[in-house]
Amino acid sequence: MYSKIIIDILGWTGSILYLVAYALEAYATTGLNAVWIVIGLFTLGRKWLTRS
């Protein structure tokens, strides 16, 4: 019973550390995606406002 708890704690700790490591390397991708979202929304807004 005690060893199962230790294994669960190690598993959860490893998963959290993996996600944190990925988040620290993903700033450039997040920024680029944010720029594309702004460009897309701007284009859709212009098309919506100038529709006939």
C-alpha atoms as a PDB file:
ATOM      1  CA  MET A   1       0.000   0.000   0.000  1.00  0.00           C
ATOM      2  CA  TYR A   2       2.779   2.446   0.925  1.00  0.00           C
ATOM      3  CA  SER A   3       4.759   1.743  -2.265  1.00  0.00           C
ATOM      4  CA  LYS A   4       1.670   2.418  -4.426  1.00  0.00           C
ATOM      5  CA  ILE A   5       1.318   5.886  -2.887  1.00  0.00           C
ATOM      6  CA  ILE A   6       5.004   6.632  -3.554  1.00  0.00           C
ATOM      7  CA  ILE A   7       4.651   5.478  -7.178  1.00  0.00           C
ATOM      8  CA  ASP A   8       1.519   7.630  -7.636  1.00  0.00           C
ATOM      9  CA  ILE A   9       3.272  10.685  -6.180  1.00  0.00           C
ATOM     10  CA  LEU A  10       6.272  10.157  -8.454  1.00  0.00           C
ATOM     11  CA  GLY A  11       3.998   9.739 -11.474  1.00  0.00           C
ATOM     12  CA  TRP A  12       2.042  12.912 -10.770  1.00  0.00           C
ATOM     13  CA  THR A  13       5.238  14.853 -10.056  1.00  0.00           C
ATOM     14  CA  GLY A  14       6.762  13.678 -13.334  1.00  0.00           C
ATOM     15  CA  SER A  15       3.648  14.634 -15.280  1.00  0.00           C
ATOM     16  CA  ILE A  16       3.526  18.105 -13.762  1.00  0.00           C
ATOM     17  CA  LEU A  17       7.243  18.693 -14.369  1.00  0.00           C
ATOM     18  CA  TYR A  18       6.844  17.568 -17.986  1.00  0.00           C
ATOM     19  CA  LEU A  19       4.008  20.062 -18.553  1.00  0.00           C
ATOM     20  CA  VAL A  20       5.963  22.876 -16.882  1.00  0.00           C
ATOM     21  CA  ALA A  21       9.018  22.141 -19.049  1.00  0.00           C
ATOM     22  CA  TYR A  22       6.881  22.224 -22.196  1.00  0.00           C
ATOM     23  CA  ALA A  23       5.206  25.478 -21.154  1.00  0.00           C
ATOM     24  CA  LEU A  24       8.588  27.153 -20.596  1.00  0.00           C
ATOM     25  CA  GLU A  25       9.711  26.280 -24.171  1.00  0.00           C
ATOM     26  CA  ALA A  26       6.409  27.210 -25.867  1.00  0.00           C
ATOM     27  CA  TYR A  27       6.488  31.027 -25.572  1.00  0.00           C
ATOM     28  CA  ALA A  28       7.496  31.577 -29.207  1.00  0.00           C
ATOM     29  CA  THR A  29       4.781  29.291 -30.546  1.00  0.00           C
ATOM     30  CA  THR A  30       2.147  30.886 -28.332  1.00  0.00           C
ATOM     31  CA  GLY A  31       3.145  34.363 -29.473  1.00  0.00           C
ATOM     32  CA  LEU A  32       3.070  33.381 -33.136  1.00  0.00           C
ATOM     33  CA  ASN A  33      -0.357  31.779 -32.773  1.00  0.00           C
ATOM     34  CA  ALA A  34      -1.648  34.917 -31.027  1.00  0.00           C
ATOM     35  CA  VAL A  35      -0.475  37.038 -33.970  1.00  0.00           C
ATOM     36  CA  TRP A  36      -2.239  34.718 -36.439  1.00  0.00           C
ATOM     37  CA  ILE A  37      -5.432  34.906 -34.374  1.00  0.00           C
ATOM     38  CA  VAL A  38      -5.343  38.712 -34.464  1.00  0.00           C
ATOM     39  CA  ILE A  39      -4.744  38.709 -38.232  1.00  0.00           C
ATOM     40  CA  GLY A  40      -7.608  36.269 -38.777  1.00  0.00           C
ATOM     41  CA  LEU A  41     -10.036  38.203 -36.586  1.00  0.00           C
ATOM     42  CA  PHE A  42      -9.070  41.471 -38.288  1.00  0.00           C
ATOM     43  CA  THR A  43      -9.687  39.944 -41.721  1.00  0.00           C
ATOM     44  CA  LEU A  44     -13.007  38.417 -40.692  1.00  0.00           C
ATOM     45  CA  GLY A  45     -14.088  41.719 -39.149  1.00  0.00           C
ATOM     46  CA  ARG A  46     -13.230  43.641 -42.300  1.00  0.00           C
ATOM     47  CA  LYS A  47     -15.099  41.141 -44.479  1.00  0.00           C
ATOM     48  CA  TRP A  48     -18.115  41.260 -42.141  1.00  0.00           C
ATOM     49  CA  LEU A  49     -18.228  45.063 -42.129  1.00  0.00           C
ATOM     50  CA  THR A  50     -17.890  45.403 -45.916  1.00  0.00           C
ATOM     51  CA  ARG A  51     -20.344  42.689 -46.886  1.00  0.00           C
ATOM     52  CA  SER A  52     -23.083  43.783 -49.274  1.00  0.00           C
END
